[in-house]
Structure formats: C-alpha cells, structure tokens
Amino acid sequence: MKRDEQKLRFLQQKENLIHHMSSIEDEHEKMKTFWDSKSEHCPEIRYEIAKYHRQGQEKGTTIKKDEKILQKKVVQLFAPCGRPYNMNKPQLPFKLSDEDSQYILKLDVYKYLDTSYIKVDVEVNYIRVTVKGKIFQIALTEEVKPSEASTQRSQITGQLVVNAPKLHINEALSVKSTKRSNQTDCSEKLSELKGTVDIQNIYQKSNTSEIPHLI
C-alpha cells in the first residue's frame, strides 16, 4: 500500500516538474531545475537521475566536439605582431601589380559564380576577397586608401579586378615615368620630321618669269 502511494506521489511530482521545465528554454537551466528539485527516494527517481545524468554527459561531449570543430574552422588571418598573412584558400589564379600610384589585383574568380558569393574587403595594408566562405588575402607593402578603392568584374571571364590607390605616391617613380613618357613623345615627333628634301622639284615649281634678265 505504501509503495503504491509512493509511486503516485512520484508521478505527481514528475508531472509538476515536467510542466515547470517546459517553460524553461535554456537547456542548462532545465538540468539545474531537475537536480535542485525535491523528490521521493524510490526506484523510479533513481531511474530518472540516471537518465538525466546520461543526457548531461552526451550534451557535454557534443559541446566539446562542436568547440573543436569551431577551433578548426577559425582561420588565423594575422600574425601575433598584427601583420596580415598571405593566403589563398579558394586556390584561385591571381596577379598583383604594384603601380606607381596604386595596386591592381586581378583574381580569376569562377566564371559562373554569382557575385553575391563574393565579398571584397580593402584595408590599409591588405586586400581580402571571400569567395563562398573561402578567404583569399594578400598583404601590401605600402598603405592604401580603402575609401577610394574600386572593384570591377568581367562579365565575359568572371575575373575580379580590385584597384587600391596608394596613400603615399612614390614621387620619384612618377617623375621617371613622366620623363620616359615625354622622351617617347619627343622621339616620335622627331621621327615624323625626318625625311629628304627634293631641291630639284622645288626649283621646277618656282615661277621663272619673276627672275629678272641679266644686263
């Protein structure tokens, strides 16, 4: 008789506890509520304790696995000193041109890849392109102006072109380039002026009637 009454009390306590726990969203709080609750000392409660104990162990193992997976997925983008790493996770062909006034990055993105899967981030000392979650990052030796950077993509080849103007233009290189350009223009003009003069043709075309007679 007492055993039957004990079972009834346990079932009532279990029902009340389940109802109370159903209003709690956080799993950790649910487990805490169960362990803090008062209950009958009977075989049924020992079974419940063992069940919740197994659930706690399984969830703990799952959390540890998830943490390990997240640690593996986290990509180190910078060295401890703050220097950006060079990386090419999507393994795309690329070319970085170091011009006098800007950097030009040409990245051969998949031709039929939708532009919504591409994210470009230009910072002071690096360019980062994320393609379908995979990171391409390249460090720059000179600082650039992120606010003036521009991005274009070819509709024919899918190639992505990033132009990043430099913060400090190398004046010496710019002067040399200007001199070379001016020298080229001058040499082209001189080559246009070079030629032969046909004196005989000029003489024949002159008006002989204008020459006075000899006395």
N, C-alpha and C. Protein backbone atom coordinates (compact mmCIF):
# COMPACT_ATOMS: atom_id res chain seq x y z
N MET A 1 0.83 -1.21 0.00
CA MET A 1 0.00 0.00 0.00
C MET A 1 0.86 1.25 0.00
N LYS A 2 1.88 1.25 0.89
CA LYS A 2 2.78 2.39 0.97
C LYS A 2 3.54 2.57 -0.34
N ARG A 3 3.90 1.45 -0.96
CA ARG A 3 4.64 1.52 -2.24
C ARG A 3 3.78 2.15 -3.32
N ASP A 4 2.51 1.79 -3.33
CA ASP A 4 1.60 2.37 -4.32
C ASP A 4 1.45 3.87 -4.11
N GLU A 5 1.35 4.27 -2.84
CA GLU A 5 1.24 5.70 -2.54
C GLU A 5 2.51 6.44 -2.95
N GLN A 6 3.65 5.78 -2.75
CA GLN A 6 4.93 6.38 -3.13
C GLN A 6 5.00 6.59 -4.64
N LYS A 7 4.52 5.62 -5.41
CA LYS A 7 4.50 5.73 -6.87
C LYS A 7 3.62 6.89 -7.32
N LEU A 8 2.47 7.01 -6.66
CA LEU A 8 1.54 8.09 -7.01
C LEU A 8 2.16 9.46 -6.74
N ARG A 9 2.83 9.57 -5.56
CA ARG A 9 3.48 10.84 -5.23
C ARG A 9 4.58 11.16 -6.24
N PHE A 10 5.33 10.14 -6.64
CA PHE A 10 6.42 10.35 -7.61
C PHE A 10 5.87 10.82 -8.95
N LEU A 11 4.78 10.16 -9.39
CA LEU A 11 4.19 10.53 -10.68
C LEU A 11 3.67 11.97 -10.66
N GLN A 12 3.09 12.37 -9.51
CA GLN A 12 2.59 13.73 -9.39
C GLN A 12 3.74 14.73 -9.40
N GLN A 13 4.81 14.39 -8.67
CA GLN A 13 5.99 15.26 -8.64
C GLN A 13 6.63 15.37 -10.02
N LYS A 14 6.69 14.24 -10.72
CA LYS A 14 7.29 14.22 -12.06
C LYS A 14 6.48 15.08 -13.02
N GLU A 15 5.17 14.96 -12.95
CA GLU A 15 4.29 15.74 -13.83
C GLU A 15 4.46 17.23 -13.57
N ASN A 16 4.51 17.62 -12.28
CA ASN A 16 4.69 19.03 -11.94
C ASN A 16 6.05 19.55 -12.41
N LEU A 17 7.06 18.70 -12.27
CA LEU A 17 8.42 19.11 -12.66
C LEU A 17 8.52 19.28 -14.18
N ILE A 18 7.92 18.34 -14.91
CA ILE A 18 7.94 18.43 -16.37
C ILE A 18 7.22 19.68 -16.85
N HIS A 19 6.11 19.99 -16.22
CA HIS A 19 5.34 21.19 -16.58
C HIS A 19 6.17 22.45 -16.31
N HIS A 20 6.87 22.46 -15.19
CA HIS A 20 7.70 23.61 -14.85
C HIS A 20 8.89 23.75 -15.80
N MET A 21 9.51 22.64 -16.15
CA MET A 21 10.68 22.66 -17.03
C MET A 21 10.31 23.01 -18.47
N SER A 22 9.07 22.74 -18.85
CA SER A 22 8.65 23.04 -20.23
C SER A 22 8.64 24.54 -20.52
N SER A 23 8.55 25.34 -19.47
CA SER A 23 8.54 26.80 -19.65
C SER A 23 9.96 27.39 -19.69
N ILE A 24 10.97 26.54 -19.48
CA ILE A 24 12.37 27.00 -19.49
C ILE A 24 13.00 26.65 -20.84
N GLU A 25 13.54 27.66 -21.52
CA GLU A 25 14.12 27.44 -22.85
C GLU A 25 15.58 26.98 -22.77
N ASP A 26 16.32 27.51 -21.83
CA ASP A 26 17.74 27.19 -21.72
C ASP A 26 17.92 25.77 -21.17
N GLU A 27 18.68 24.95 -21.90
CA GLU A 27 18.88 23.55 -21.50
C GLU A 27 19.64 23.44 -20.19
N HIS A 28 20.60 24.33 -20.00
CA HIS A 28 21.38 24.30 -18.76
C HIS A 28 20.49 24.58 -17.56
N GLU A 29 19.57 25.54 -17.71
CA GLU A 29 18.65 25.86 -16.62
C GLU A 29 17.68 24.72 -16.35
N LYS A 30 17.28 24.02 -17.43
CA LYS A 30 16.40 22.86 -17.25
C LYS A 30 17.07 21.79 -16.39
N MET A 31 18.34 21.50 -16.72
CA MET A 31 19.07 20.48 -15.96
C MET A 31 19.25 20.91 -14.51
N LYS A 32 19.53 22.19 -14.31
CA LYS A 32 19.72 22.70 -12.95
C LYS A 32 18.42 22.58 -12.14
N THR A 33 17.29 22.86 -12.80
CA THR A 33 15.99 22.75 -12.13
C THR A 33 15.72 21.31 -11.70
N PHE A 34 16.08 20.36 -12.56
CA PHE A 34 15.86 18.95 -12.21
C PHE A 34 16.70 18.55 -11.00
N TRP A 35 18.00 18.92 -11.03
CA TRP A 35 18.88 18.49 -9.94
C TRP A 35 18.56 19.21 -8.62
N ASP A 36 17.97 20.39 -8.70
CA ASP A 36 17.62 21.12 -7.48
C ASP A 36 16.25 20.74 -6.91
N SER A 37 15.46 19.98 -7.65
CA SER A 37 14.11 19.64 -7.21
C SER A 37 14.13 18.53 -6.14
N LYS A 38 13.12 18.54 -5.28
CA LYS A 38 12.97 17.52 -4.24
C LYS A 38 12.12 16.37 -4.78
N SER A 39 12.44 15.16 -4.37
CA SER A 39 11.70 14.00 -4.89
C SER A 39 11.71 12.86 -3.88
N GLU A 40 10.88 11.86 -4.16
CA GLU A 40 10.79 10.66 -3.33
C GLU A 40 12.04 9.78 -3.52
N HIS A 41 12.45 9.11 -2.47
CA HIS A 41 13.54 8.16 -2.58
C HIS A 41 12.96 6.81 -2.98
N CYS A 42 12.92 6.57 -4.29
CA CYS A 42 12.30 5.35 -4.79
C CYS A 42 13.02 4.92 -6.07
N PRO A 43 12.81 3.71 -6.54
CA PRO A 43 13.48 3.22 -7.76
C PRO A 43 13.20 4.10 -8.98
N GLU A 44 11.99 4.66 -9.05
CA GLU A 44 11.63 5.48 -10.21
C GLU A 44 12.50 6.74 -10.31
N ILE A 45 12.75 7.37 -9.17
CA ILE A 45 13.56 8.59 -9.20
C ILE A 45 15.01 8.26 -9.51
N ARG A 46 15.48 7.10 -9.05
CA ARG A 46 16.85 6.70 -9.38
C ARG A 46 17.01 6.49 -10.88
N TYR A 47 15.96 5.96 -11.50
CA TYR A 47 15.97 5.78 -12.96
C TYR A 47 16.04 7.14 -13.66
N GLU A 48 15.23 8.11 -13.16
CA GLU A 48 15.23 9.45 -13.74
C GLU A 48 16.60 10.12 -13.58
N ILE A 49 17.21 9.93 -12.41
CA ILE A 49 18.53 10.52 -12.16
C ILE A 49 19.56 9.96 -13.14
N ALA A 50 19.52 8.64 -13.33
CA ALA A 50 20.46 8.01 -14.26
C ALA A 50 20.23 8.51 -15.69
N LYS A 51 18.97 8.71 -16.07
CA LYS A 51 18.65 9.17 -17.42
C LYS A 51 19.18 10.58 -17.66
N TYR A 52 18.93 11.47 -16.70
CA TYR A 52 19.40 12.86 -16.85
C TYR A 52 20.92 12.94 -16.78
N HIS A 53 21.51 12.04 -16.02
CA HIS A 53 22.97 12.02 -15.93
C HIS A 53 23.57 11.65 -17.29
N ARG A 54 22.99 10.67 -17.97
CA ARG A 54 23.47 10.28 -19.31
C ARG A 54 23.28 11.43 -20.30
N GLN A 55 22.12 12.10 -20.22
CA GLN A 55 21.87 13.22 -21.12
C GLN A 55 22.89 14.34 -20.92
N GLY A 56 23.23 14.58 -19.66
CA GLY A 56 24.23 15.62 -19.38
C GLY A 56 25.59 15.26 -19.95
N GLN A 57 25.98 13.99 -19.83
CA GLN A 57 27.26 13.55 -20.38
C GLN A 57 27.27 13.65 -21.91
N GLU A 58 26.17 13.23 -22.54
CA GLU A 58 26.10 13.28 -24.00
C GLU A 58 26.16 14.72 -24.51
N LYS A 59 25.45 15.62 -23.84
CA LYS A 59 25.47 17.03 -24.25
C LYS A 59 26.84 17.64 -24.04
N GLY A 60 27.49 17.25 -22.94
CA GLY A 60 28.84 17.75 -22.69
C GLY A 60 29.81 17.31 -23.77
N THR A 61 29.69 16.05 -24.20
CA THR A 61 30.55 15.53 -25.27
C THR A 61 30.28 16.25 -26.58
N THR A 62 28.99 16.48 -26.86
CA THR A 62 28.62 17.19 -28.10
C THR A 62 29.16 18.60 -28.11
N ILE A 63 29.08 19.28 -26.97
CA ILE A 63 29.59 20.65 -26.87
C ILE A 63 31.10 20.68 -27.11
N LYS A 64 31.81 19.71 -26.54
CA LYS A 64 33.26 19.65 -26.74
C LYS A 64 33.60 19.42 -28.20
N LYS A 65 32.84 18.53 -28.86
CA LYS A 65 33.07 18.27 -30.28
C LYS A 65 32.82 19.52 -31.11
N ASP A 66 31.73 20.23 -30.78
CA ASP A 66 31.41 21.47 -31.50
C ASP A 66 32.50 22.51 -31.32
N GLU A 67 33.04 22.59 -30.10
CA GLU A 67 34.11 23.55 -29.84
C GLU A 67 35.36 23.21 -30.64
N LYS A 68 35.67 21.92 -30.76
CA LYS A 68 36.83 21.50 -31.55
C LYS A 68 36.64 21.83 -33.03
N ILE A 69 35.41 21.60 -33.52
CA ILE A 69 35.11 21.90 -34.93
C ILE A 69 35.26 23.40 -35.19
N LEU A 70 34.75 24.22 -34.26
CA LEU A 70 34.86 25.66 -34.41
C LEU A 70 36.31 26.11 -34.39
N GLN A 71 37.13 25.48 -33.52
CA GLN A 71 38.54 25.83 -33.45
C GLN A 71 39.25 25.51 -34.76
N LYS A 72 38.85 24.39 -35.39
CA LYS A 72 39.45 24.02 -36.67
C LYS A 72 39.04 24.98 -37.77
N LYS A 73 37.78 25.45 -37.71
CA LYS A 73 37.27 26.32 -38.76
C LYS A 73 37.81 27.75 -38.66
N VAL A 74 38.23 28.18 -37.46
CA VAL A 74 38.73 29.54 -37.29
C VAL A 74 40.07 29.66 -38.01
N VAL A 75 40.14 30.58 -38.97
CA VAL A 75 41.35 30.79 -39.77
C VAL A 75 42.13 31.95 -39.17
N GLN A 76 43.43 31.73 -38.96
CA GLN A 76 44.29 32.79 -38.45
C GLN A 76 44.65 33.73 -39.59
N LEU A 77 44.13 34.96 -39.54
CA LEU A 77 44.35 35.93 -40.61
C LEU A 77 45.56 36.83 -40.36
N PHE A 78 45.98 36.92 -39.10
CA PHE A 78 47.07 37.83 -38.77
C PHE A 78 48.11 37.14 -37.88
N ALA A 79 49.34 37.59 -38.01
CA ALA A 79 50.41 37.11 -37.14
C ALA A 79 50.26 37.77 -35.77
N PRO A 80 50.92 37.23 -34.74
CA PRO A 80 50.82 37.85 -33.40
C PRO A 80 51.20 39.32 -33.38
N CYS A 81 52.09 39.73 -34.30
CA CYS A 81 52.52 41.13 -34.36
C CYS A 81 51.50 42.02 -35.07
N GLY A 82 50.46 41.42 -35.67
CA GLY A 82 49.45 42.19 -36.37
C GLY A 82 49.61 42.20 -37.88
N ARG A 83 50.68 41.60 -38.38
CA ARG A 83 50.92 41.58 -39.82
C ARG A 83 49.95 40.61 -40.48
N PRO A 84 49.28 41.04 -41.57
CA PRO A 84 48.33 40.14 -42.25
C PRO A 84 49.05 39.01 -42.99
N TYR A 85 48.51 37.82 -42.89
CA TYR A 85 49.06 36.67 -43.61
C TYR A 85 48.62 36.70 -45.07
N ASN A 86 49.44 36.10 -45.93
CA ASN A 86 49.04 35.84 -47.31
C ASN A 86 48.42 34.45 -47.37
N MET A 87 47.23 34.34 -47.95
CA MET A 87 46.58 33.03 -48.06
C MET A 87 45.68 32.99 -49.28
N ASN A 88 45.51 31.78 -49.80
CA ASN A 88 44.66 31.58 -50.97
C ASN A 88 43.87 30.29 -50.78
N LYS A 89 42.89 30.34 -49.87
CA LYS A 89 42.09 29.15 -49.56
C LYS A 89 41.27 28.66 -50.76
N PRO A 90 40.71 29.55 -51.60
CA PRO A 90 39.96 29.05 -52.76
C PRO A 90 40.85 28.60 -53.91
N GLN A 91 42.19 28.82 -53.76
CA GLN A 91 43.17 28.37 -54.76
C GLN A 91 42.84 28.93 -56.15
N LEU A 92 42.73 30.25 -56.21
CA LEU A 92 42.42 30.92 -57.47
C LEU A 92 43.67 31.57 -58.05
N PRO A 93 43.86 31.52 -59.38
CA PRO A 93 44.97 32.23 -60.01
C PRO A 93 44.81 33.74 -59.80
N PHE A 94 45.92 34.43 -59.57
CA PHE A 94 45.82 35.88 -59.34
C PHE A 94 47.11 36.57 -59.79
N LYS A 95 47.02 37.89 -59.91
CA LYS A 95 48.18 38.72 -60.26
C LYS A 95 48.04 40.04 -59.53
N LEU A 96 49.10 40.44 -58.80
CA LEU A 96 49.11 41.72 -58.10
C LEU A 96 50.13 42.63 -58.77
N SER A 97 49.67 43.75 -59.32
CA SER A 97 50.55 44.71 -59.97
C SER A 97 50.79 45.89 -59.03
N ASP A 98 52.09 46.20 -58.81
CA ASP A 98 52.47 47.31 -57.95
C ASP A 98 52.79 48.51 -58.84
N GLU A 99 51.79 49.36 -59.07
CA GLU A 99 51.98 50.54 -59.91
C GLU A 99 52.49 51.70 -59.07
N ASP A 100 52.84 52.82 -59.76
CA ASP A 100 53.36 53.99 -59.05
C ASP A 100 52.34 54.55 -58.06
N SER A 101 51.08 54.58 -58.46
CA SER A 101 50.07 55.25 -57.65
C SER A 101 49.03 54.31 -57.05
N GLN A 102 49.07 53.02 -57.41
CA GLN A 102 48.04 52.11 -56.93
C GLN A 102 48.48 50.65 -57.05
N TYR A 103 47.74 49.80 -56.34
CA TYR A 103 47.86 48.35 -56.50
C TYR A 103 46.68 47.88 -57.34
N ILE A 104 46.95 46.94 -58.25
CA ILE A 104 45.89 46.35 -59.06
C ILE A 104 45.92 44.84 -58.85
N LEU A 105 44.86 44.31 -58.25
CA LEU A 105 44.75 42.87 -58.02
C LEU A 105 43.77 42.28 -59.02
N LYS A 106 44.24 41.27 -59.76
CA LYS A 106 43.39 40.56 -60.71
C LYS A 106 43.22 39.13 -60.20
N LEU A 107 42.00 38.77 -59.88
CA LEU A 107 41.70 37.46 -59.31
C LEU A 107 40.75 36.71 -60.24
N ASP A 108 41.18 35.53 -60.69
CA ASP A 108 40.38 34.75 -61.64
C ASP A 108 39.30 33.96 -60.90
N VAL A 109 38.20 34.64 -60.61
CA VAL A 109 37.07 34.00 -59.93
C VAL A 109 36.31 33.13 -60.93
N TYR A 110 35.63 32.11 -60.41
CA TYR A 110 34.86 31.21 -61.27
C TYR A 110 33.88 32.01 -62.14
N LYS A 111 33.87 31.71 -63.40
CA LYS A 111 33.11 32.49 -64.38
C LYS A 111 31.63 32.57 -64.04
N TYR A 112 31.03 31.45 -63.68
CA TYR A 112 29.58 31.40 -63.48
C TYR A 112 29.17 31.57 -62.01
N LEU A 113 30.11 31.97 -61.16
CA LEU A 113 29.78 32.17 -59.75
C LEU A 113 29.03 33.49 -59.57
N ASP A 114 27.90 33.43 -58.88
CA ASP A 114 27.11 34.64 -58.64
C ASP A 114 27.89 35.62 -57.77
N THR A 115 27.78 36.90 -58.09
CA THR A 115 28.53 37.93 -57.38
C THR A 115 28.14 38.01 -55.91
N SER A 116 26.96 37.54 -55.56
CA SER A 116 26.53 37.58 -54.16
C SER A 116 27.39 36.68 -53.27
N TYR A 117 28.13 35.75 -53.87
CA TYR A 117 29.01 34.85 -53.10
C TYR A 117 30.41 35.44 -52.94
N ILE A 118 30.62 36.66 -53.43
CA ILE A 118 31.94 37.29 -53.38
C ILE A 118 31.88 38.52 -52.47
N LYS A 119 32.82 38.61 -51.54
CA LYS A 119 32.91 39.76 -50.66
C LYS A 119 34.33 40.31 -50.71
N VAL A 120 34.46 41.61 -51.00
CA VAL A 120 35.77 42.25 -51.11
C VAL A 120 35.95 43.22 -49.93
N ASP A 121 37.11 43.12 -49.29
CA ASP A 121 37.43 43.99 -48.15
C ASP A 121 38.83 44.56 -48.35
N VAL A 122 38.92 45.86 -48.58
CA VAL A 122 40.21 46.53 -48.77
C VAL A 122 40.53 47.32 -47.51
N GLU A 123 41.64 46.98 -46.88
CA GLU A 123 42.09 47.70 -45.69
C GLU A 123 43.41 48.40 -46.00
N VAL A 124 43.95 49.09 -45.00
CA VAL A 124 45.14 49.92 -45.22
C VAL A 124 46.32 49.12 -45.74
N ASN A 125 46.51 47.90 -45.22
CA ASN A 125 47.71 47.14 -45.60
C ASN A 125 47.41 45.75 -46.15
N TYR A 126 46.18 45.50 -46.55
CA TYR A 126 45.88 44.20 -47.18
C TYR A 126 44.58 44.27 -47.96
N ILE A 127 44.44 43.29 -48.87
CA ILE A 127 43.20 43.12 -49.63
C ILE A 127 42.69 41.71 -49.34
N ARG A 128 41.41 41.61 -48.97
CA ARG A 128 40.82 40.30 -48.68
C ARG A 128 39.59 40.09 -49.56
N VAL A 129 39.54 38.93 -50.19
CA VAL A 129 38.39 38.56 -51.01
C VAL A 129 37.87 37.22 -50.50
N THR A 130 36.61 37.18 -50.10
CA THR A 130 35.99 35.95 -49.62
C THR A 130 35.10 35.38 -50.72
N VAL A 131 35.42 34.17 -51.16
CA VAL A 131 34.68 33.51 -52.24
C VAL A 131 34.00 32.27 -51.67
N LYS A 132 32.69 32.32 -51.54
CA LYS A 132 31.90 31.21 -50.97
C LYS A 132 32.46 30.75 -49.63
N GLY A 133 32.80 31.72 -48.79
CA GLY A 133 33.29 31.43 -47.45
C GLY A 133 34.77 31.15 -47.36
N LYS A 134 35.46 30.99 -48.50
CA LYS A 134 36.89 30.73 -48.50
C LYS A 134 37.65 32.04 -48.72
N ILE A 135 38.70 32.24 -47.93
CA ILE A 135 39.37 33.54 -47.88
C ILE A 135 40.63 33.58 -48.75
N PHE A 136 40.70 34.62 -49.58
CA PHE A 136 41.93 35.00 -50.28
C PHE A 136 42.39 36.31 -49.66
N GLN A 137 43.63 36.34 -49.19
CA GLN A 137 44.14 37.56 -48.56
C GLN A 137 45.58 37.78 -48.98
N ILE A 138 45.91 39.04 -49.30
CA ILE A 138 47.28 39.36 -49.70
C ILE A 138 47.70 40.65 -49.00
N ALA A 139 48.91 40.62 -48.42
CA ALA A 139 49.44 41.78 -47.71
C ALA A 139 50.07 42.76 -48.69
N LEU A 140 49.98 44.05 -48.36
CA LEU A 140 50.53 45.11 -49.20
C LEU A 140 51.72 45.75 -48.49
N THR A 141 52.76 46.07 -49.25
CA THR A 141 53.97 46.66 -48.65
C THR A 141 53.80 48.15 -48.39
N GLU A 142 52.87 48.79 -49.12
CA GLU A 142 52.60 50.21 -48.92
C GLU A 142 51.13 50.40 -48.55
N GLU A 143 50.86 51.42 -47.75
CA GLU A 143 49.49 51.68 -47.31
C GLU A 143 48.64 52.23 -48.46
N VAL A 144 47.36 51.87 -48.44
CA VAL A 144 46.43 52.32 -49.48
C VAL A 144 45.27 53.08 -48.86
N LYS A 145 44.41 53.63 -49.73
CA LYS A 145 43.23 54.37 -49.29
C LYS A 145 41.99 53.48 -49.50
N PRO A 146 41.52 52.81 -48.47
CA PRO A 146 40.36 51.91 -48.63
C PRO A 146 39.11 52.61 -49.16
N SER A 147 38.91 53.87 -48.75
CA SER A 147 37.69 54.59 -49.16
C SER A 147 37.67 54.89 -50.66
N GLU A 148 38.84 54.89 -51.31
CA GLU A 148 38.91 55.20 -52.74
C GLU A 148 39.11 53.95 -53.59
N ALA A 149 39.11 52.79 -52.97
CA ALA A 149 39.29 51.54 -53.72
C ALA A 149 38.05 51.24 -54.55
N SER A 150 38.26 50.56 -55.66
CA SER A 150 37.14 50.21 -56.55
C SER A 150 37.27 48.76 -56.99
N THR A 151 36.14 48.16 -57.32
CA THR A 151 36.09 46.76 -57.72
C THR A 151 35.27 46.61 -58.99
N GLN A 152 35.79 45.82 -59.93
CA GLN A 152 35.08 45.53 -61.17
C GLN A 152 35.16 44.04 -61.45
N ARG A 153 34.17 43.53 -62.17
CA ARG A 153 34.19 42.11 -62.55
C ARG A 153 33.79 41.96 -64.01
N SER A 154 34.59 41.18 -64.72
CA SER A 154 34.33 40.97 -66.14
C SER A 154 33.12 40.06 -66.32
N GLN A 155 32.19 40.49 -67.17
CA GLN A 155 31.02 39.68 -67.47
C GLN A 155 31.36 38.53 -68.42
N ILE A 156 32.49 38.63 -69.08
CA ILE A 156 32.89 37.59 -70.04
C ILE A 156 33.69 36.47 -69.37
N THR A 157 34.74 36.87 -68.61
CA THR A 157 35.62 35.87 -68.00
C THR A 157 35.33 35.63 -66.52
N GLY A 158 34.63 36.57 -65.88
CA GLY A 158 34.38 36.45 -64.45
C GLY A 158 35.51 36.99 -63.59
N GLN A 159 36.58 37.46 -64.22
CA GLN A 159 37.75 37.96 -63.48
C GLN A 159 37.38 39.17 -62.63
N LEU A 160 37.90 39.17 -61.41
CA LEU A 160 37.66 40.27 -60.48
C LEU A 160 38.89 41.17 -60.44
N VAL A 161 38.68 42.48 -60.59
CA VAL A 161 39.78 43.45 -60.58
C VAL A 161 39.55 44.44 -59.45
N VAL A 162 40.53 44.53 -58.55
CA VAL A 162 40.45 45.45 -57.42
C VAL A 162 41.54 46.51 -57.57
N ASN A 163 41.15 47.77 -57.61
CA ASN A 163 42.09 48.89 -57.69
C ASN A 163 42.15 49.58 -56.33
N ALA A 164 43.37 49.67 -55.76
CA ALA A 164 43.55 50.28 -54.45
C ALA A 164 44.59 51.40 -54.56
N PRO A 165 44.16 52.67 -54.58
CA PRO A 165 45.10 53.79 -54.67
C PRO A 165 46.01 53.85 -53.44
N LYS A 166 47.28 54.16 -53.67
CA LYS A 166 48.24 54.23 -52.57
C LYS A 166 48.04 55.52 -51.77
N LEU A 167 48.34 55.43 -50.48
CA LEU A 167 48.23 56.59 -49.61
C LEU A 167 49.33 57.60 -49.90
N HIS A 168 50.55 57.10 -50.11
CA HIS A 168 51.70 57.95 -50.43
C HIS A 168 52.24 57.53 -51.78
N ILE A 169 52.03 58.37 -52.78
CA ILE A 169 52.52 58.05 -54.12
C ILE A 169 54.02 58.25 -54.17
N ASN A 170 54.71 57.31 -54.79
CA ASN A 170 56.17 57.40 -54.94
C ASN A 170 56.49 58.43 -56.00
N GLU A 171 56.87 59.65 -55.55
CA GLU A 171 57.10 60.76 -56.48
C GLU A 171 58.26 60.48 -57.41
N ALA A 172 59.32 59.83 -56.90
CA ALA A 172 60.50 59.56 -57.73
C ALA A 172 60.13 58.67 -58.91
N LEU A 173 59.36 57.63 -58.64
CA LEU A 173 58.96 56.73 -59.72
C LEU A 173 58.02 57.43 -60.69
N SER A 174 57.16 58.31 -60.16
CA SER A 174 56.23 59.03 -61.03
C SER A 174 56.97 59.97 -61.97
N VAL A 175 58.03 60.65 -61.45
CA VAL A 175 58.82 61.57 -62.28
C VAL A 175 59.54 60.80 -63.37
N LYS A 176 60.11 59.63 -63.01
CA LYS A 176 60.79 58.81 -64.01
C LYS A 176 59.84 58.37 -65.10
N SER A 177 58.63 57.96 -64.69
CA SER A 177 57.64 57.51 -65.67
C SER A 177 57.24 58.66 -66.59
N THR A 178 57.11 59.87 -66.01
CA THR A 178 56.75 61.04 -66.81
C THR A 178 57.85 61.38 -67.79
N LYS A 179 59.12 61.30 -67.32
CA LYS A 179 60.25 61.59 -68.21
C LYS A 179 60.31 60.60 -69.35
N ARG A 180 60.10 59.32 -69.03
CA ARG A 180 60.13 58.30 -70.08
C ARG A 180 59.03 58.55 -71.10
N SER A 181 57.86 58.97 -70.60
CA SER A 181 56.74 59.25 -71.49
C SER A 181 57.03 60.44 -72.39
N ASN A 182 57.64 61.50 -71.79
CA ASN A 182 57.98 62.70 -72.57
C ASN A 182 59.03 62.40 -73.61
N GLN A 183 60.04 61.58 -73.22
CA GLN A 183 61.10 61.21 -74.16
C GLN A 183 60.53 60.43 -75.33
N THR A 184 59.58 59.57 -75.04
CA THR A 184 58.95 58.78 -76.11
C THR A 184 58.19 59.68 -77.07
N ASP A 185 57.46 60.67 -76.51
CA ASP A 185 56.70 61.60 -77.35
C ASP A 185 57.62 62.42 -78.23
N CYS A 186 58.76 62.89 -77.65
CA CYS A 186 59.71 63.70 -78.42
C CYS A 186 60.34 62.90 -79.55
N SER A 187 60.72 61.65 -79.25
CA SER A 187 61.34 60.82 -80.28
C SER A 187 60.36 60.53 -81.41
N GLU A 188 59.08 60.38 -81.06
CA GLU A 188 58.07 60.14 -82.09
C GLU A 188 57.90 61.37 -82.97
N LYS A 189 57.94 62.58 -82.36
CA LYS A 189 57.80 63.81 -83.14
C LYS A 189 59.00 64.02 -84.05
N LEU A 190 60.23 63.72 -83.55
CA LEU A 190 61.43 63.87 -84.36
C LEU A 190 61.41 62.92 -85.54
N SER A 191 60.92 61.69 -85.30
CA SER A 191 60.86 60.72 -86.40
C SER A 191 59.89 61.17 -87.47
N GLU A 192 58.85 61.92 -87.07
CA GLU A 192 57.90 62.43 -88.05
C GLU A 192 58.51 63.54 -88.89
N LEU A 193 59.47 64.33 -88.31
CA LEU A 193 60.09 65.44 -89.03
C LEU A 193 61.20 64.99 -89.96
N LYS A 194 61.77 63.82 -89.73
CA LYS A 194 62.86 63.32 -90.56
C LYS A 194 62.36 62.97 -91.95
N GLY A 195 63.23 63.29 -93.01
CA GLY A 195 62.87 62.97 -94.38
C GLY A 195 63.85 63.63 -95.35
N THR A 196 63.66 63.49 -96.65
CA THR A 196 64.53 64.07 -97.67
C THR A 196 63.80 65.20 -98.37
N VAL A 197 64.58 66.21 -98.76
CA VAL A 197 64.03 67.37 -99.46
C VAL A 197 64.44 67.32 -100.92
N ASP A 198 63.48 67.37 -101.82
CA ASP A 198 63.74 67.33 -103.27
C ASP A 198 63.92 68.76 -103.76
N ILE A 199 65.21 69.20 -103.84
CA ILE A 199 65.52 70.58 -104.24
C ILE A 199 65.13 70.82 -105.68
N GLN A 200 65.36 69.81 -106.53
CA GLN A 200 65.05 69.95 -107.96
C GLN A 200 63.57 70.21 -108.18
N ASN A 201 62.74 69.52 -107.43
CA ASN A 201 61.30 69.69 -107.55
C ASN A 201 60.88 71.09 -107.13
N ILE A 202 61.55 71.59 -106.09
CA ILE A 202 61.24 72.95 -105.62
C ILE A 202 61.60 73.97 -106.69
N TYR A 203 62.76 73.75 -107.34
CA TYR A 203 63.24 74.69 -108.37
C TYR A 203 62.30 74.70 -109.56
N GLN A 204 61.81 73.51 -109.94
CA GLN A 204 60.93 73.42 -111.09
C GLN A 204 59.61 74.12 -110.85
N LYS A 205 59.16 74.10 -109.61
CA LYS A 205 57.87 74.70 -109.29
C LYS A 205 57.94 76.22 -109.17
N SER A 206 59.17 76.76 -109.09
CA SER A 206 59.29 78.21 -108.93
C SER A 206 58.92 78.92 -110.21
N ASN A 207 58.43 80.12 -110.17
CA ASN A 207 57.98 80.91 -111.32
C ASN A 207 59.18 81.61 -111.93
N THR A 208 59.62 81.17 -113.12
CA THR A 208 60.82 81.72 -113.78
C THR A 208 60.58 83.12 -114.30
N SER A 209 59.31 83.50 -114.50
CA SER A 209 59.01 84.84 -115.01
C SER A 209 59.36 85.93 -114.02
N GLU A 210 59.48 85.54 -112.76
CA GLU A 210 59.81 86.52 -111.74
C GLU A 210 61.30 86.79 -111.67
N ILE A 211 62.16 85.99 -112.40
CA ILE A 211 63.60 86.19 -112.35
C ILE A 211 63.97 87.28 -113.36
N PRO A 212 64.63 88.40 -113.01
CA PRO A 212 64.98 89.49 -113.95
C PRO A 212 66.05 89.06 -114.94
N HIS A 213 66.05 89.69 -116.18
CA HIS A 213 67.06 89.40 -117.21
C HIS A 213 68.39 89.96 -116.80
N LEU A 214 69.45 89.29 -117.26
CA LEU A 214 70.81 89.77 -117.00
C LEU A 214 71.14 90.90 -117.95
N ILE A 215 71.83 91.94 -117.54
CA ILE A 215 72.23 93.06 -118.40
C ILE A 215 73.64 92.82 -118.90
